[in-house]
């Protein structure tokens, strides 16, 4: 584990704010470090999906993510929107095992997937999923890009820049400073509460009543390393996950998949492609919506011009 700078340097670098609370981590409510901002092909009013990247993201999802994370709202037939042919979709669907039924005997049975089937879940139920992942329930990814603020940026930062082996020393120092500042704020609040309780205690003693002396809060220690964050056992450090402790180990490694189009499978590339794919799964009609919006704006502009011309014509004789 990499060590941070000494407390004095961390305190000098501390910015206002605190960190986000998360189960199993020593955190308080507040803001973590800001997300990095990335450029996306679908940004802006004329933005569209990079279909080559989305197809690569699907490949990464199937090879890496699908073992734990479901995709409940996407059917194989939806992949036609990404440029896949009917035969390619049938082949992908046939690789999946689907539970169907009941049959004539009232029994459920397994069969090969068909294009109208939705992506099968990796576990039969939430309890089985949590049991297989040390108590942590892997979330469904269908809408993840819209369920998080700045979803694509968050996903790329989380998978491609946030783990201990990926994060920069500068980012670590920013986290250590923020957490040191947060602990100091917590200590000052606890100290103020202690002083109020101590005054009540002294008043009761002076009045001859029995009372228990309150315990003063411990002064906080500076955060100088990842270990000092106090993450629960079994959690991996991630700079962009709320609370900095995530149950998912680093999922992406260079050359973890072999892209069908020959694109080098770096961690950055795979994380970008998965973020693109998850944005498409969350909003598959984005391009259609933007296209309709442009048409509506153009119509309103033309209609406004017609109304203005009509107004000039009608009122021309009056003036």
C-alpha atoms as a PDB file:
ATOM      1  CA  UNK A   1       0.000   0.000   0.000  1.00  0.00           C
ATOM      2  CA  UNK A   2       1.251   3.421  -0.911  1.00  0.00           C
ATOM      3  CA  UNK A   3       1.768   5.883   1.885  1.00  0.00           C
ATOM      4  CA  UNK A   4       0.655   9.461   1.744  1.00  0.00           C
ATOM      5  CA  UNK A   5       2.434  12.606   2.807  1.00  0.00           C
ATOM      6  CA  UNK A   6       2.676  13.643   6.414  1.00  0.00           C
ATOM      7  CA  UNK A   7      -0.296  15.111   8.204  1.00  0.00           C
ATOM      8  CA  UNK A   8       0.973  18.661   7.850  1.00  0.00           C
ATOM      9  CA  UNK A   9       1.054  18.508   4.072  1.00  0.00           C
ATOM     10  CA  UNK A  10      -2.323  16.795   3.966  1.00  0.00           C
ATOM     11  CA  UNK A  11      -3.854  19.468   6.153  1.00  0.00           C
ATOM     12  CA  UNK A  12      -2.442  22.229   3.947  1.00  0.00           C
ATOM     13  CA  UNK A  13      -3.958  20.548   0.914  1.00  0.00           C
ATOM     14  CA  UNK A  14      -7.328  19.914   2.552  1.00  0.00           C
ATOM     15  CA  UNK A  15     -10.323  21.265   0.712  1.00  0.00           C
ATOM     16  CA  UNK A  16     -13.673  22.050   2.249  1.00  0.00           C
ATOM     17  CA  UNK A  17     -16.058  19.124   2.287  1.00  0.00           C
ATOM     18  CA  UNK A  18     -16.352  15.607   3.587  1.00  0.00           C
ATOM     19  CA  UNK A  19     -16.791  12.150   2.191  1.00  0.00           C
ATOM     20  CA  UNK A  20     -19.751   9.973   1.274  1.00  0.00           C
ATOM     21  CA  UNK A  21     -21.109   7.423   3.698  1.00  0.00           C
ATOM     22  CA  UNK A  22     -21.224   3.768   2.718  1.00  0.00           C
ATOM     23  CA  UNK A  23     -22.057   0.582   4.603  1.00  0.00           C
ATOM     24  CA  UNK A  24     -19.040  -1.104   6.152  1.00  0.00           C
ATOM     25  CA  UNK A  25     -16.718   1.905   5.929  1.00  0.00           C
ATOM     26  CA  UNK A  26     -15.654   4.573   8.373  1.00  0.00           C
ATOM     27  CA  UNK A  27     -17.269   7.531   6.627  1.00  0.00           C
ATOM     28  CA  UNK A  28     -19.453  10.550   7.334  1.00  0.00           C
ATOM     29  CA  UNK A  29     -21.984  12.215   5.087  1.00  0.00           C
ATOM     30  CA  UNK A  30     -20.630  14.688   2.539  1.00  0.00           C
ATOM     31  CA  UNK A  31     -18.922  14.961  -0.807  1.00  0.00           C
ATOM     32  CA  UNK A  32     -15.986  12.928  -2.049  1.00  0.00           C
ATOM     33  CA  UNK A  33     -13.416  14.036  -4.588  1.00  0.00           C
ATOM     34  CA  UNK A  34     -14.884  15.327  -7.857  1.00  0.00           C
ATOM     35  CA  UNK A  35     -15.271  12.974 -10.789  1.00  0.00           C
ATOM     36  CA  UNK A  36     -12.985  13.498 -13.772  1.00  0.00           C
ATOM     37  CA  UNK A  37     -14.817  14.657 -16.879  1.00  0.00           C
ATOM     38  CA  UNK A  38     -14.540  12.718 -20.145  1.00  0.00           C
ATOM     39  CA  UNK A  39     -15.699  13.402 -23.677  1.00  0.00           C
ATOM     40  CA  UNK A  40     -18.442  11.183 -25.106  1.00  0.00           C
ATOM     41  CA  UNK A  41     -19.746  10.854 -28.631  1.00  0.00           C
ATOM     42  CA  UNK A  42     -23.335  11.052 -27.368  1.00  0.00           C
ATOM     43  CA  UNK A  43     -22.861  14.408 -25.625  1.00  0.00           C
ATOM     44  CA  UNK A  44     -24.616  17.462 -27.001  1.00  0.00           C
ATOM     45  CA  UNK A  45     -27.763  17.942 -29.023  1.00  0.00           C
ATOM     46  CA  UNK A  46     -26.272  16.230 -32.088  1.00  0.00           C
ATOM     47  CA  UNK A  47     -24.513  13.449 -30.148  1.00  0.00           C
ATOM     48  CA  UNK A  48     -24.791   9.828 -31.268  1.00  0.00           C
ATOM     49  CA  UNK A  49     -23.524   6.520 -29.978  1.00  0.00           C
ATOM     50  CA  UNK A  50     -20.170   5.200 -31.125  1.00  0.00           C
ATOM     51  CA  UNK A  51     -21.517   1.830 -32.211  1.00  0.00           C
ATOM     52  CA  UNK A  52     -18.097   0.221 -32.535  1.00  0.00           C
ATOM     53  CA  UNK A  53     -17.351   1.156 -28.922  1.00  0.00           C
ATOM     54  CA  UNK A  54     -20.798   0.020 -27.750  1.00  0.00           C
ATOM     55  CA  UNK A  55     -20.291  -3.358 -29.465  1.00  0.00           C
ATOM     56  CA  UNK A  56     -16.909  -3.717 -27.770  1.00  0.00           C
ATOM     57  CA  UNK A  57     -18.560  -2.790 -24.461  1.00  0.00           C
ATOM     58  CA  UNK A  58     -21.070  -5.576 -24.984  1.00  0.00           C
ATOM     59  CA  UNK A  59     -18.176  -7.968 -25.523  1.00  0.00           C
ATOM     60  CA  UNK A  60     -16.543  -6.852 -22.252  1.00  0.00           C
ATOM     61  CA  UNK A  61     -19.849  -7.107 -20.392  1.00  0.00           C
ATOM     62  CA  UNK A  62     -20.399 -10.679 -21.589  1.00  0.00           C
ATOM     63  CA  UNK A  63     -16.811 -11.725 -20.853  1.00  0.00           C
ATOM     64  CA  UNK A  64     -16.249  -9.914 -17.530  1.00  0.00           C
ATOM     65  CA  UNK A  65     -19.376  -8.378 -15.998  1.00  0.00           C
ATOM     66  CA  UNK A  66     -22.113 -10.903 -16.795  1.00  0.00           C
ATOM     67  CA  UNK A  67     -20.712 -13.424 -14.313  1.00  0.00           C
ATOM     68  CA  UNK A  68     -22.033 -11.262 -11.446  1.00  0.00           C
ATOM     69  CA  UNK A  69     -24.224  -8.483 -12.852  1.00  0.00           C
ATOM     70  CA  UNK A  70     -27.624  -8.954 -14.470  1.00  0.00           C
ATOM     71  CA  UNK A  71     -29.019  -6.995 -17.417  1.00  0.00           C
ATOM     72  CA  UNK A  72     -32.743  -7.395 -16.794  1.00  0.00           C
ATOM     73  CA  UNK A  73     -34.136  -4.847 -19.246  1.00  0.00           C
ATOM     74  CA  UNK A  74     -32.234  -5.763 -22.406  1.00  0.00           C
ATOM     75  CA  UNK A  75     -33.353  -8.515 -24.764  1.00  0.00           C
ATOM     76  CA  UNK A  76     -31.098 -10.074 -27.393  1.00  0.00           C
ATOM     77  CA  UNK A  77     -33.339  -8.685 -30.138  1.00  0.00           C
ATOM     78  CA  UNK A  78     -32.551  -5.152 -28.922  1.00  0.00           C
ATOM     79  CA  UNK A  79     -28.997  -5.642 -30.198  1.00  0.00           C
ATOM     80  CA  UNK A  80     -30.222  -5.058 -33.744  1.00  0.00           C
ATOM     81  CA  UNK A  81     -29.981  -1.350 -32.855  1.00  0.00           C
ATOM     82  CA  UNK A  82     -26.226  -1.792 -32.484  1.00  0.00           C
ATOM     83  CA  UNK A  83     -25.824  -3.072 -36.014  1.00  0.00           C
ATOM     84  CA  UNK A  84     -25.856  -6.819 -35.385  1.00  0.00           C
ATOM     85  CA  UNK A  85     -27.457  -9.020 -38.015  1.00  0.00           C
ATOM     86  CA  UNK A  86     -30.320 -11.403 -37.281  1.00  0.00           C
ATOM     87  CA  UNK A  87     -27.998 -14.412 -37.546  1.00  0.00           C
ATOM     88  CA  UNK A  88     -25.473 -12.840 -35.146  1.00  0.00           C
ATOM     89  CA  UNK A  89     -28.218 -12.140 -32.624  1.00  0.00           C
ATOM     90  CA  UNK A  90     -29.536 -15.687 -32.885  1.00  0.00           C
ATOM     91  CA  UNK A  91     -26.028 -17.043 -32.325  1.00  0.00           C
ATOM     92  CA  UNK A  92     -25.483 -14.877 -29.225  1.00  0.00           C
ATOM     93  CA  UNK A  93     -28.876 -15.797 -27.823  1.00  0.00           C
ATOM     94  CA  UNK A  94     -28.234 -19.510 -28.394  1.00  0.00           C
ATOM     95  CA  UNK A  95     -25.167 -19.322 -26.129  1.00  0.00           C
ATOM     96  CA  UNK A  96     -27.432 -18.490 -23.174  1.00  0.00           C
ATOM     97  CA  UNK A  97     -29.296 -21.095 -21.115  1.00  0.00           C
ATOM     98  CA  UNK A  98     -32.829 -19.955 -20.317  1.00  0.00           C
ATOM     99  CA  UNK A  99     -35.233 -21.408 -17.744  1.00  0.00           C
ATOM    100  CA  UNK A 100     -38.621 -21.851 -19.413  1.00  0.00           C
ATOM    101  CA  UNK A 101     -41.884 -23.576 -18.714  1.00  0.00           C
ATOM    102  CA  UNK A 102     -43.839 -25.072 -17.256  1.00  0.00           C
ATOM    103  CA  UNK A 103     -44.100 -27.891 -19.784  1.00  0.00           C
ATOM    104  CA  UNK A 104     -47.055 -30.254 -20.175  1.00  0.00           C
ATOM    105  CA  UNK A 105     -45.987 -32.032 -17.001  1.00  0.00           C
ATOM    106  CA  UNK A 106     -45.832 -28.813 -15.007  1.00  0.00           C
ATOM    107  CA  UNK A 107     -42.033 -28.800 -14.830  1.00  0.00           C
ATOM    108  CA  UNK A 108     -39.657 -25.960 -15.617  1.00  0.00           C
ATOM    109  CA  UNK A 109     -36.947 -26.795 -18.127  1.00  0.00           C
ATOM    110  CA  UNK A 110     -33.794 -25.381 -19.676  1.00  0.00           C
ATOM    111  CA  UNK A 111     -33.426 -24.399 -23.313  1.00  0.00           C
ATOM    112  CA  UNK A 112     -31.119 -22.405 -25.544  1.00  0.00           C
ATOM    113  CA  UNK A 113     -31.877 -18.712 -25.670  1.00  0.00           C
ATOM    114  CA  UNK A 114     -33.856 -17.093 -28.470  1.00  0.00           C
ATOM    115  CA  UNK A 115     -33.725 -13.485 -29.759  1.00  0.00           C
ATOM    116  CA  UNK A 116     -36.867 -12.490 -27.812  1.00  0.00           C
ATOM    117  CA  UNK A 117     -35.325 -13.631 -24.498  1.00  0.00           C
ATOM    118  CA  UNK A 118     -33.857 -11.101 -22.103  1.00  0.00           C
ATOM    119  CA  UNK A 119     -30.253 -11.469 -20.984  1.00  0.00           C
ATOM    120  CA  UNK A 120     -30.279 -14.256 -18.358  1.00  0.00           C
ATOM    121  CA  UNK A 121     -29.343 -13.352 -14.799  1.00  0.00           C
ATOM    122  CA  UNK A 122     -26.168 -14.957 -13.435  1.00  0.00           C
ATOM    123  CA  UNK A 123     -27.950 -16.055 -10.229  1.00  0.00           C
ATOM    124  CA  UNK A 124     -31.437 -17.453  -9.592  1.00  0.00           C
ATOM    125  CA  UNK A 125     -32.250 -14.843  -6.935  1.00  0.00           C
ATOM    126  CA  UNK A 126     -30.787 -12.007  -4.868  1.00  0.00           C
ATOM    127  CA  UNK A 127     -29.878 -14.230  -1.923  1.00  0.00           C
ATOM    128  CA  UNK A 128     -27.861 -16.546  -4.124  1.00  0.00           C
ATOM    129  CA  UNK A 129     -26.126 -13.528  -5.680  1.00  0.00           C
ATOM    130  CA  UNK A 130     -25.230 -12.053  -2.289  1.00  0.00           C
ATOM    131  CA  UNK A 131     -24.067 -15.428  -0.939  1.00  0.00           C
ATOM    132  CA  UNK A 132     -21.709 -15.866  -3.912  1.00  0.00           C
ATOM    133  CA  UNK A 133     -20.271 -12.373  -3.412  1.00  0.00           C
ATOM    134  CA  UNK A 134     -19.489 -12.336   0.319  1.00  0.00           C
ATOM    135  CA  UNK A 135     -22.805 -10.740   1.227  1.00  0.00           C
ATOM    136  CA  UNK A 136     -22.671  -7.955  -1.370  1.00  0.00           C
ATOM    137  CA  UNK A 137     -25.487  -7.901  -3.927  1.00  0.00           C
ATOM    138  CA  UNK A 138     -24.180  -7.019  -7.406  1.00  0.00           C
ATOM    139  CA  UNK A 139     -26.566  -4.443  -8.881  1.00  0.00           C
ATOM    140  CA  UNK A 140     -28.347  -4.843 -12.172  1.00  0.00           C
ATOM    141  CA  UNK A 141     -26.526  -2.794 -14.802  1.00  0.00           C
ATOM    142  CA  UNK A 142     -29.366  -2.065 -17.229  1.00  0.00           C
ATOM    143  CA  UNK A 143     -29.973   1.475 -15.952  1.00  0.00           C
ATOM    144  CA  UNK A 144     -26.725   2.072 -14.073  1.00  0.00           C
ATOM    145  CA  UNK A 145     -25.544   4.890 -16.345  1.00  0.00           C
ATOM    146  CA  UNK A 146     -28.698   6.856 -15.507  1.00  0.00           C
ATOM    147  CA  UNK A 147     -28.898   5.773 -11.863  1.00  0.00           C
ATOM    148  CA  UNK A 148     -25.675   7.611 -10.985  1.00  0.00           C
ATOM    149  CA  UNK A 149     -24.974  11.309 -11.378  1.00  0.00           C
ATOM    150  CA  UNK A 150     -22.747  11.809 -14.418  1.00  0.00           C
ATOM    151  CA  UNK A 151     -23.166   8.077 -14.982  1.00  0.00           C
ATOM    152  CA  UNK A 152     -20.730   7.492 -17.875  1.00  0.00           C
ATOM    153  CA  UNK A 153     -18.015   9.574 -16.182  1.00  0.00           C
ATOM    154  CA  UNK A 154     -18.635   7.713 -12.915  1.00  0.00           C
ATOM    155  CA  UNK A 155     -18.431   4.288 -14.562  1.00  0.00           C
ATOM    156  CA  UNK A 156     -15.235   5.077 -16.468  1.00  0.00           C
ATOM    157  CA  UNK A 157     -13.611   6.625 -13.395  1.00  0.00           C
ATOM    158  CA  UNK A 158     -14.688   3.707 -11.202  1.00  0.00           C
ATOM    159  CA  UNK A 159     -13.408   0.935 -13.499  1.00  0.00           C
ATOM    160  CA  UNK A 160     -10.508   2.648 -15.215  1.00  0.00           C
ATOM    161  CA  UNK A 161      -9.070   5.123 -12.727  1.00  0.00           C
ATOM    162  CA  UNK A 162     -10.302   4.403  -9.208  1.00  0.00           C
ATOM    163  CA  UNK A 163      -8.602   1.251  -7.907  1.00  0.00           C
ATOM    164  CA  UNK A 164      -5.415   1.364  -5.878  1.00  0.00           C
ATOM    165  CA  UNK A 165      -3.193   0.239  -8.749  1.00  0.00           C
ATOM    166  CA  UNK A 166      -4.790   2.835 -11.050  1.00  0.00           C
ATOM    167  CA  UNK A 167      -5.234   5.964  -8.969  1.00  0.00           C
ATOM    168  CA  UNK A 168      -2.606   8.700  -9.116  1.00  0.00           C
ATOM    169  CA  UNK A 169      -0.617   9.893  -6.105  1.00  0.00           C
ATOM    170  CA  UNK A 170      -2.167  13.333  -6.533  1.00  0.00           C
ATOM    171  CA  UNK A 171      -5.658  11.878  -6.213  1.00  0.00           C
ATOM    172  CA  UNK A 172      -4.637   9.866  -3.165  1.00  0.00           C
ATOM    173  CA  UNK A 173      -3.306  13.001  -1.480  1.00  0.00           C
ATOM    174  CA  UNK A 174      -6.577  14.775  -2.222  1.00  0.00           C
ATOM    175  CA  UNK A 175      -8.520  11.922  -0.612  1.00  0.00           C
ATOM    176  CA  UNK A 176      -6.242  11.843   2.433  1.00  0.00           C
ATOM    177  CA  UNK A 177      -6.637  15.601   2.860  1.00  0.00           C
ATOM    178  CA  UNK A 178     -10.407  15.444   2.545  1.00  0.00           C
ATOM    179  CA  UNK A 179     -10.692  12.603   5.023  1.00  0.00           C
ATOM    180  CA  UNK A 180      -8.342  14.297   7.476  1.00  0.00           C
ATOM    181  CA  UNK A 181     -10.443  17.443   7.272  1.00  0.00           C
ATOM    182  CA  UNK A 182     -13.629  15.421   7.677  1.00  0.00           C
ATOM    183  CA  UNK A 183     -12.327  13.695  10.797  1.00  0.00           C
ATOM    184  CA  UNK A 184     -11.377  17.056  12.272  1.00  0.00           C
ATOM    185  CA  UNK A 185     -14.891  18.361  11.662  1.00  0.00           C
ATOM    186  CA  UNK A 186     -16.333  15.261  13.320  1.00  0.00           C
ATOM    187  CA  UNK A 187     -14.001  15.684  16.285  1.00  0.00           C
ATOM    188  CA  UNK A 188     -14.947  19.330  16.773  1.00  0.00           C
ATOM    189  CA  UNK A 189     -18.649  18.436  16.709  1.00  0.00           C
ATOM    190  CA  UNK A 190     -18.080  15.619  19.219  1.00  0.00           C
ATOM    191  CA  UNK A 191     -16.000  17.937  21.420  1.00  0.00           C
ATOM    192  CA  UNK A 192     -18.761  20.533  21.464  1.00  0.00           C
ATOM    193  CA  UNK A 193     -21.258  17.844  22.448  1.00  0.00           C
ATOM    194  CA  UNK A 194     -18.882  16.586  25.159  1.00  0.00           C
ATOM    195  CA  UNK A 195     -18.504  20.061  26.648  1.00  0.00           C
ATOM    196  CA  UNK A 196     -22.289  20.457  26.818  1.00  0.00           C
ATOM    197  CA  UNK A 197     -22.645  17.064  28.523  1.00  0.00           C
ATOM    198  CA  UNK A 198     -19.796  17.921  30.889  1.00  0.00           C
ATOM    199  CA  UNK A 199     -21.572  21.115  31.956  1.00  0.00           C
ATOM    200  CA  UNK A 200     -24.734  19.137  32.707  1.00  0.00           C
ATOM    201  CA  UNK A 201     -22.669  16.612  34.654  1.00  0.00           C
ATOM    202  CA  UNK A 202     -21.018  19.297  36.774  1.00  0.00           C
ATOM    203  CA  UNK A 203     -24.370  20.937  37.508  1.00  0.00           C
ATOM    204  CA  UNK A 204     -25.799  17.618  38.717  1.00  0.00           C
ATOM    205  CA  UNK A 205     -22.745  16.936  40.903  1.00  0.00           C
ATOM    206  CA  UNK A 206     -22.968  20.412  42.402  1.00  0.00           C
ATOM    207  CA  UNK A 207     -26.630  19.750  43.170  1.00  0.00           C
ATOM    208  CA  UNK A 208     -25.673  16.551  44.990  1.00  0.00           C
ATOM    209  CA  UNK A 209     -27.119  14.213  42.380  1.00  0.00           C
ATOM    210  CA  UNK A 210     -25.492  11.055  41.091  1.00  0.00           C
ATOM    211  CA  UNK A 211     -24.111  11.401  37.580  1.00  0.00           C
ATOM    212  CA  UNK A 212     -21.714   9.644  35.233  1.00  0.00           C
ATOM    213  CA  UNK A 213     -18.901  11.747  33.883  1.00  0.00           C
ATOM    214  CA  UNK A 214     -18.952  11.833  30.058  1.00  0.00           C
ATOM    215  CA  UNK A 215     -16.013  10.452  28.136  1.00  0.00           C
ATOM    216  CA  UNK A 216     -14.115  13.002  26.030  1.00  0.00           C
ATOM    217  CA  UNK A 217     -13.708  12.235  22.329  1.00  0.00           C
ATOM    218  CA  UNK A 218     -10.362  11.008  21.057  1.00  0.00           C
ATOM    219  CA  UNK A 219      -8.379  13.383  18.916  1.00  0.00           C
ATOM    220  CA  UNK A 220      -8.392  12.244  15.283  1.00  0.00           C
ATOM    221  CA  UNK A 221      -5.332  10.791  13.638  1.00  0.00           C
ATOM    222  CA  UNK A 222      -4.263  12.088  10.234  1.00  0.00           C
ATOM    223  CA  UNK A 223      -5.061   9.962   7.204  1.00  0.00           C
ATOM    224  CA  UNK A 224      -1.744   9.143   5.562  1.00  0.00           C
ATOM    225  CA  UNK A 225      -2.473   5.866   3.790  1.00  0.00           C
ATOM    226  CA  UNK A 226      -5.286   3.778   2.390  1.00  0.00           C
ATOM    227  CA  UNK A 227      -5.158   1.616   5.518  1.00  0.00           C
ATOM    228  CA  UNK A 228      -5.939   4.723   7.604  1.00  0.00           C
ATOM    229  CA  UNK A 229      -9.308   5.018   5.832  1.00  0.00           C
ATOM    230  CA  UNK A 230     -10.509   2.086   7.927  1.00  0.00           C
ATOM    231  CA  UNK A 231     -12.134   0.083   5.139  1.00  0.00           C
ATOM    232  CA  UNK A 232     -13.879  -3.085   6.225  1.00  0.00           C
ATOM    233  CA  UNK A 233     -12.267  -6.425   5.517  1.00  0.00           C
ATOM    234  CA  UNK A 234     -13.061  -7.732   2.058  1.00  0.00           C
ATOM    235  CA  UNK A 235     -13.538  -4.304   0.478  1.00  0.00           C
ATOM    236  CA  UNK A 236     -11.259  -2.944  -2.221  1.00  0.00           C
ATOM    237  CA  UNK A 237     -10.190   0.681  -2.300  1.00  0.00           C
ATOM    238  CA  UNK A 238     -11.734   2.796  -5.055  1.00  0.00           C
ATOM    239  CA  UNK A 239     -11.293   6.549  -5.180  1.00  0.00           C
ATOM    240  CA  UNK A 240     -14.647   7.179  -6.855  1.00  0.00           C
ATOM    241  CA  UNK A 241     -16.916   4.763  -4.992  1.00  0.00           C
ATOM    242  CA  UNK A 242     -18.929   6.293  -2.132  1.00  0.00           C
ATOM    243  CA  UNK A 243     -17.001   5.607   1.046  1.00  0.00           C
ATOM    244  CA  UNK A 244     -13.933   4.434  -0.927  1.00  0.00           C
ATOM    245  CA  UNK A 245     -14.666   0.773  -0.089  1.00  0.00           C
ATOM    246  CA  UNK A 246     -16.154  -1.382  -2.867  1.00  0.00           C
ATOM    247  CA  UNK A 247     -16.982  -5.087  -2.675  1.00  0.00           C
ATOM    248  CA  UNK A 248     -15.982  -5.624  -6.318  1.00  0.00           C
ATOM    249  CA  UNK A 249     -12.314  -6.362  -6.855  1.00  0.00           C
ATOM    250  CA  UNK A 250     -10.645  -4.659  -9.808  1.00  0.00           C
ATOM    251  CA  UNK A 251     -12.448  -6.271 -12.778  1.00  0.00           C
ATOM    252  CA  UNK A 252     -10.405  -5.089 -15.763  1.00  0.00           C
ATOM    253  CA  UNK A 253      -6.851  -5.919 -16.760  1.00  0.00           C
ATOM    254  CA  UNK A 254      -4.945  -5.230 -19.950  1.00  0.00           C
ATOM    255  CA  UNK A 255      -5.754  -7.784 -22.649  1.00  0.00           C
ATOM    256  CA  UNK A 256      -8.522  -9.221 -20.504  1.00  0.00           C
ATOM    257  CA  UNK A 257     -10.546  -9.701 -23.682  1.00  0.00           C
ATOM    258  CA  UNK A 258      -9.598 -10.012 -27.330  1.00  0.00           C
ATOM    259  CA  UNK A 259     -11.617  -7.504 -29.296  1.00  0.00           C
ATOM    260  CA  UNK A 260     -13.169  -8.815 -32.476  1.00  0.00           C
ATOM    261  CA  UNK A 261     -12.190  -5.635 -34.356  1.00  0.00           C
ATOM    262  CA  UNK A 262      -8.545  -5.803 -33.245  1.00  0.00           C
ATOM    263  CA  UNK A 263      -8.672  -2.744 -30.952  1.00  0.00           C
ATOM    264  CA  UNK A 264      -6.001  -2.979 -28.191  1.00  0.00           C
ATOM    265  CA  UNK A 265      -7.793  -4.072 -25.009  1.00  0.00           C
ATOM    266  CA  UNK A 266      -6.264  -1.692 -22.491  1.00  0.00           C
ATOM    267  CA  UNK A 267      -8.000  -1.079 -19.182  1.00  0.00           C
ATOM    268  CA  UNK A 268      -8.827   2.466 -20.265  1.00  0.00           C
ATOM    269  CA  UNK A 269     -10.297   1.238 -23.549  1.00  0.00           C
ATOM    270  CA  UNK A 270     -12.364  -1.515 -21.956  1.00  0.00           C
ATOM    271  CA  UNK A 271     -13.699   0.822 -19.254  1.00  0.00           C
ATOM    272  CA  UNK A 272     -14.629   3.397 -21.909  1.00  0.00           C
ATOM    273  CA  UNK A 273     -16.374   0.786 -24.028  1.00  0.00           C
ATOM    274  CA  UNK A 274     -18.328  -0.648 -21.086  1.00  0.00           C
ATOM    275  CA  UNK A 275     -19.417   2.872 -20.084  1.00  0.00           C
ATOM    276  CA  UNK A 276     -20.597   3.470 -23.662  1.00  0.00           C
ATOM    277  CA  UNK A 277     -22.494   0.174 -23.666  1.00  0.00           C
ATOM    278  CA  UNK A 278     -24.140   0.860 -20.300  1.00  0.00           C
ATOM    279  CA  UNK A 279     -25.188   4.306 -21.476  1.00  0.00           C
ATOM    280  CA  UNK A 280     -26.881   2.660 -24.451  1.00  0.00           C
ATOM    281  CA  UNK A 281     -28.641   0.070 -22.246  1.00  0.00           C
ATOM    282  CA  UNK A 282     -29.883   2.880 -19.988  1.00  0.00           C
ATOM    283  CA  UNK A 283     -31.089   5.063 -22.850  1.00  0.00           C
ATOM    284  CA  UNK A 284     -31.362   3.089 -26.097  1.00  0.00           C
ATOM    285  CA  UNK A 285     -33.671   5.705 -27.645  1.00  0.00           C
ATOM    286  CA  UNK A 286     -31.293   8.615 -27.045  1.00  0.00           C
ATOM    287  CA  UNK A 287     -30.585   9.217 -30.730  1.00  0.00           C
ATOM    288  CA  UNK A 288     -34.262   8.979 -31.625  1.00  0.00           C
ATOM    289  CA  UNK A 289     -35.150  11.417 -28.848  1.00  0.00           C
ATOM    290  CA  UNK A 290     -32.518  13.917 -29.938  1.00  0.00           C
ATOM    291  CA  UNK A 291     -33.587  13.598 -33.574  1.00  0.00           C
ATOM    292  CA  UNK A 292     -37.199  14.297 -32.643  1.00  0.00           C
ATOM    293  CA  UNK A 293     -36.107  17.252 -30.509  1.00  0.00           C
ATOM    294  CA  UNK A 294     -34.211  18.802 -33.428  1.00  0.00           C
ATOM    295  CA  UNK A 295     -37.246  18.359 -35.692  1.00  0.00           C
ATOM    296  CA  UNK A 296     -39.511  19.995 -33.111  1.00  0.00           C
ATOM    297  CA  UNK A 297     -37.133  22.953 -32.725  1.00  0.00           C
ATOM    298  CA  UNK A 298     -36.921  23.414 -36.497  1.00  0.00           C
ATOM    299  CA  UNK A 299     -40.708  23.213 -36.776  1.00  0.00           C
ATOM    300  CA  UNK A 300     -41.180  25.806 -34.046  1.00  0.00           C
ATOM    301  CA  UNK A 301     -38.680  28.144 -35.705  1.00  0.00           C
ATOM    302  CA  UNK A 302     -40.443  27.856 -39.070  1.00  0.00           C
ATOM    303  CA  UNK A 303     -43.876  28.162 -37.458  1.00  0.00           C
ATOM    304  CA  UNK A 304     -42.763  31.265 -35.567  1.00  0.00           C
ATOM    305  CA  UNK A 305     -41.566  32.791 -38.824  1.00  0.00           C
ATOM    306  CA  UNK A 306     -44.907  32.029 -40.500  1.00  0.00           C
ATOM    307  CA  UNK A 307     -46.835  33.558 -37.605  1.00  0.00           C
ATOM    308  CA  UNK A 308     -44.647  36.663 -37.676  1.00  0.00           C
ATOM    309  CA  UNK A 309     -45.133  37.043 -41.444  1.00  0.00           C
ATOM    310  CA  UNK A 310     -48.895  36.575 -41.044  1.00  0.00           C
ATOM    311  CA  UNK A 311     -48.983  39.190 -38.301  1.00  0.00           C
ATOM    312  CA  UNK A 312     -47.135  41.674 -40.515  1.00  0.00           C
ATOM    313  CA  UNK A 313     -49.547  40.981 -43.364  1.00  0.00           C
ATOM    314  CA  UNK A 314     -52.705  41.304 -41.253  1.00  0.00           C
ATOM    315  CA  UNK A 315     -51.620  44.514 -39.514  1.00  0.00           C
ATOM    316  CA  UNK A 316     -49.895  46.141 -42.493  1.00  0.00           C
ATOM    317  CA  UNK A 317     -52.908  48.326 -43.423  1.00  0.00           C
ATOM    318  CA  UNK A 318     -53.445  49.419 -39.817  1.00  0.00           C
ATOM    319  CA  UNK A 319     -49.983  50.934 -39.608  1.00  0.00           C
END
